[in-house]
Amino acid sequence: MIGNKCDLENRKISTEQGMEFAETYSMKYLETSAKTALNVNEAFITMTKDIISLNSEKDKAIKKGKIKFNK
């Protein structure tokens, strides 16, 4: 989960609220700022790595017959 506008002091959602929500649903949490570019690259890199990892795990499960794949 990505929280934006972390450069603002008076945000609608605090860092703590974002972290708590993400933890409740077993998600990673990053905060970004488009204004300052803080963590923007890191957010894309993190999401890309996670997507690649999930696809790799899915491919392994398909090859082991744990997941049936219908075309």
N, C-alpha and C. Protein backbone atom coordinates (compact mmCIF):
# COMPACT_ATOMS: atom_id res chain seq x y z
N MET A 1 0.84 -1.15 0.00
CA MET A 1 0.00 0.00 0.00
C MET A 1 0.90 1.23 0.00
N ILE A 2 0.49 2.22 -0.77
CA ILE A 2 1.29 3.42 -0.88
C ILE A 2 0.48 4.62 -0.42
N GLY A 3 1.02 5.32 0.56
CA GLY A 3 0.43 6.57 1.01
C GLY A 3 1.13 7.71 0.29
N ASN A 4 0.35 8.68 -0.17
CA ASN A 4 0.98 9.79 -0.88
C ASN A 4 0.87 11.08 -0.08
N LYS A 5 1.49 12.11 -0.59
CA LYS A 5 1.52 13.44 0.03
C LYS A 5 2.17 13.42 1.41
N CYS A 6 3.21 12.61 1.57
CA CYS A 6 3.86 12.53 2.87
C CYS A 6 4.61 13.82 3.22
N ASP A 7 4.69 14.74 2.27
CA ASP A 7 5.34 16.02 2.54
C ASP A 7 4.41 16.99 3.27
N LEU A 8 3.11 16.68 3.35
CA LEU A 8 2.15 17.55 4.02
C LEU A 8 2.10 17.27 5.51
N GLU A 9 1.99 18.32 6.31
CA GLU A 9 1.89 18.15 7.75
C GLU A 9 0.50 17.71 8.18
N ASN A 10 -0.53 18.30 7.59
CA ASN A 10 -1.91 18.01 7.98
C ASN A 10 -2.57 17.09 6.97
N ARG A 11 -2.21 15.81 7.04
CA ARG A 11 -2.78 14.84 6.12
C ARG A 11 -4.05 14.24 6.69
N LYS A 12 -4.88 13.69 5.82
CA LYS A 12 -6.11 13.03 6.28
C LYS A 12 -5.81 11.71 6.96
N ILE A 13 -4.79 11.01 6.49
CA ILE A 13 -4.39 9.72 7.05
C ILE A 13 -2.96 9.84 7.57
N SER A 14 -2.76 9.53 8.84
CA SER A 14 -1.42 9.61 9.41
C SER A 14 -0.59 8.41 9.00
N THR A 15 0.71 8.53 9.18
CA THR A 15 1.61 7.41 8.92
C THR A 15 1.20 6.20 9.76
N GLU A 16 0.89 6.45 11.01
CA GLU A 16 0.51 5.36 11.92
C GLU A 16 -0.76 4.66 11.43
N GLN A 17 -1.76 5.43 10.98
CA GLN A 17 -2.99 4.84 10.48
C GLN A 17 -2.72 4.00 9.23
N GLY A 18 -1.90 4.52 8.34
CA GLY A 18 -1.56 3.79 7.13
C GLY A 18 -0.83 2.49 7.44
N MET A 19 0.12 2.57 8.36
CA MET A 19 0.88 1.38 8.73
C MET A 19 -0.03 0.34 9.40
N GLU A 20 -0.93 0.79 10.26
CA GLU A 20 -1.84 -0.12 10.94
C GLU A 20 -2.77 -0.83 9.95
N PHE A 21 -3.30 -0.07 9.00
CA PHE A 21 -4.18 -0.65 7.99
C PHE A 21 -3.43 -1.68 7.16
N ALA A 22 -2.24 -1.30 6.70
CA ALA A 22 -1.44 -2.22 5.88
C ALA A 22 -1.11 -3.49 6.65
N GLU A 23 -0.75 -3.35 7.91
CA GLU A 23 -0.43 -4.51 8.73
C GLU A 23 -1.64 -5.42 8.91
N THR A 24 -2.82 -4.83 9.08
CA THR A 24 -4.04 -5.60 9.24
C THR A 24 -4.27 -6.53 8.05
N TYR A 25 -3.91 -6.06 6.86
CA TYR A 25 -4.13 -6.84 5.65
C TYR A 25 -2.84 -7.44 5.08
N SER A 26 -1.80 -7.52 5.91
CA SER A 26 -0.51 -8.12 5.53
C SER A 26 0.07 -7.50 4.27
N MET A 27 0.05 -6.19 4.22
CA MET A 27 0.61 -5.46 3.07
C MET A 27 1.84 -4.67 3.50
N LYS A 28 2.72 -4.45 2.55
CA LYS A 28 3.82 -3.53 2.78
C LYS A 28 3.25 -2.12 2.74
N TYR A 29 3.94 -1.18 3.39
CA TYR A 29 3.47 0.20 3.39
C TYR A 29 4.63 1.14 3.09
N LEU A 30 4.45 1.97 2.10
CA LEU A 30 5.42 3.01 1.76
C LEU A 30 4.68 4.33 1.65
N GLU A 31 5.37 5.39 2.02
CA GLU A 31 4.80 6.72 1.82
C GLU A 31 5.63 7.45 0.77
N THR A 32 4.95 8.19 -0.07
CA THR A 32 5.63 8.89 -1.16
C THR A 32 5.20 10.35 -1.20
N SER A 33 5.98 11.12 -1.93
CA SER A 33 5.63 12.51 -2.22
C SER A 33 5.99 12.78 -3.68
N ALA A 34 4.98 13.09 -4.47
CA ALA A 34 5.25 13.46 -5.86
C ALA A 34 5.94 14.82 -5.91
N LYS A 35 5.65 15.65 -4.95
CA LYS A 35 6.24 17.00 -4.91
C LYS A 35 7.75 16.95 -4.72
N THR A 36 8.21 16.10 -3.80
CA THR A 36 9.65 16.01 -3.51
C THR A 36 10.30 14.77 -4.12
N ALA A 37 9.48 13.88 -4.69
CA ALA A 37 9.92 12.61 -5.28
C ALA A 37 10.39 11.60 -4.23
N LEU A 38 10.10 11.85 -2.96
CA LEU A 38 10.49 10.94 -1.90
C LEU A 38 9.82 9.58 -2.09
N ASN A 39 10.62 8.55 -2.15
CA ASN A 39 10.19 7.14 -2.24
C ASN A 39 9.40 6.77 -3.50
N VAL A 40 9.33 7.65 -4.48
CA VAL A 40 8.57 7.32 -5.70
C VAL A 40 9.24 6.16 -6.43
N ASN A 41 10.54 6.26 -6.67
CA ASN A 41 11.25 5.17 -7.35
C ASN A 41 11.20 3.89 -6.52
N GLU A 42 11.39 4.03 -5.20
CA GLU A 42 11.36 2.86 -4.33
C GLU A 42 10.01 2.16 -4.38
N ALA A 43 8.94 2.93 -4.47
CA ALA A 43 7.60 2.33 -4.54
C ALA A 43 7.45 1.49 -5.80
N PHE A 44 7.85 2.01 -6.94
CA PHE A 44 7.75 1.26 -8.19
C PHE A 44 8.66 0.04 -8.18
N ILE A 45 9.86 0.19 -7.66
CA ILE A 45 10.80 -0.93 -7.60
C ILE A 45 10.26 -2.03 -6.68
N THR A 46 9.75 -1.64 -5.52
CA THR A 46 9.21 -2.61 -4.57
C THR A 46 8.03 -3.36 -5.17
N MET A 47 7.11 -2.63 -5.79
CA MET A 47 5.94 -3.28 -6.39
C MET A 47 6.35 -4.21 -7.52
N THR A 48 7.28 -3.79 -8.34
CA THR A 48 7.73 -4.61 -9.46
C THR A 48 8.38 -5.90 -8.96
N LYS A 49 9.25 -5.78 -7.97
CA LYS A 49 9.90 -6.98 -7.41
C LYS A 49 8.87 -7.94 -6.82
N ASP A 50 7.88 -7.38 -6.12
CA ASP A 50 6.85 -8.24 -5.52
C ASP A 50 6.01 -8.94 -6.58
N ILE A 51 5.67 -8.24 -7.65
CA ILE A 51 4.89 -8.84 -8.73
C ILE A 51 5.69 -9.96 -9.40
N ILE A 52 6.96 -9.72 -9.65
CA ILE A 52 7.82 -10.74 -10.27
C ILE A 52 7.93 -11.95 -9.35
N SER A 53 8.09 -11.71 -8.06
CA SER A 53 8.21 -12.80 -7.10
C SER A 53 6.92 -13.62 -7.05
N LEU A 54 5.78 -12.96 -7.00
CA LEU A 54 4.50 -13.67 -6.97
C LEU A 54 4.29 -14.50 -8.24
N ASN A 55 4.64 -13.92 -9.39
CA ASN A 55 4.51 -14.66 -10.64
C ASN A 55 5.44 -15.86 -10.67
N SER A 56 6.62 -15.71 -10.13
CA SER A 56 7.57 -16.82 -10.08
C SER A 56 7.04 -17.94 -9.19
N GLU A 57 6.48 -17.58 -8.03
CA GLU A 57 5.91 -18.58 -7.13
C GLU A 57 4.73 -19.28 -7.79
N LYS A 58 3.92 -18.52 -8.50
CA LYS A 58 2.77 -19.10 -9.20
C LYS A 58 3.24 -20.08 -10.27
N ASP A 59 4.26 -19.70 -11.03
CA ASP A 59 4.80 -20.58 -12.07
C ASP A 59 5.33 -21.88 -11.47
N LYS A 60 6.03 -21.78 -10.34
CA LYS A 60 6.55 -22.98 -9.68
C LYS A 60 5.41 -23.89 -9.22
N ALA A 61 4.35 -23.29 -8.68
CA ALA A 61 3.20 -24.07 -8.21
C ALA A 61 2.51 -24.76 -9.37
N ILE A 62 2.41 -24.09 -10.50
CA ILE A 62 1.79 -24.69 -11.70
C ILE A 62 2.62 -25.88 -12.16
N LYS A 63 3.95 -25.72 -12.19
CA LYS A 63 4.83 -26.79 -12.64
C LYS A 63 4.77 -28.00 -11.71
N LYS A 64 4.55 -27.75 -10.41
CA LYS A 64 4.45 -28.85 -9.44
C LYS A 64 3.06 -29.46 -9.41
N GLY A 65 2.13 -28.90 -10.18
CA GLY A 65 0.77 -29.43 -10.23
C GLY A 65 -0.11 -28.98 -9.08
N LYS A 66 0.38 -28.01 -8.30
CA LYS A 66 -0.42 -27.53 -7.17
C LYS A 66 -1.51 -26.58 -7.62
N ILE A 67 -1.32 -25.98 -8.78
CA ILE A 67 -2.32 -25.07 -9.36
C ILE A 67 -2.62 -25.56 -10.77
N LYS A 68 -3.89 -25.70 -11.07
CA LYS A 68 -4.29 -26.09 -12.42
C LYS A 68 -4.47 -24.83 -13.24
N PHE A 69 -3.93 -24.83 -14.43
CA PHE A 69 -3.99 -23.66 -15.30
C PHE A 69 -4.75 -24.05 -16.56
N ASN A 70 -5.88 -23.41 -16.77
CA ASN A 70 -6.68 -23.67 -17.97
C ASN A 70 -6.54 -22.51 -18.94
N LYS A 71 -6.28 -22.81 -20.19
CA LYS A 71 -6.17 -21.75 -21.20
C LYS A 71 -7.50 -21.44 -21.79
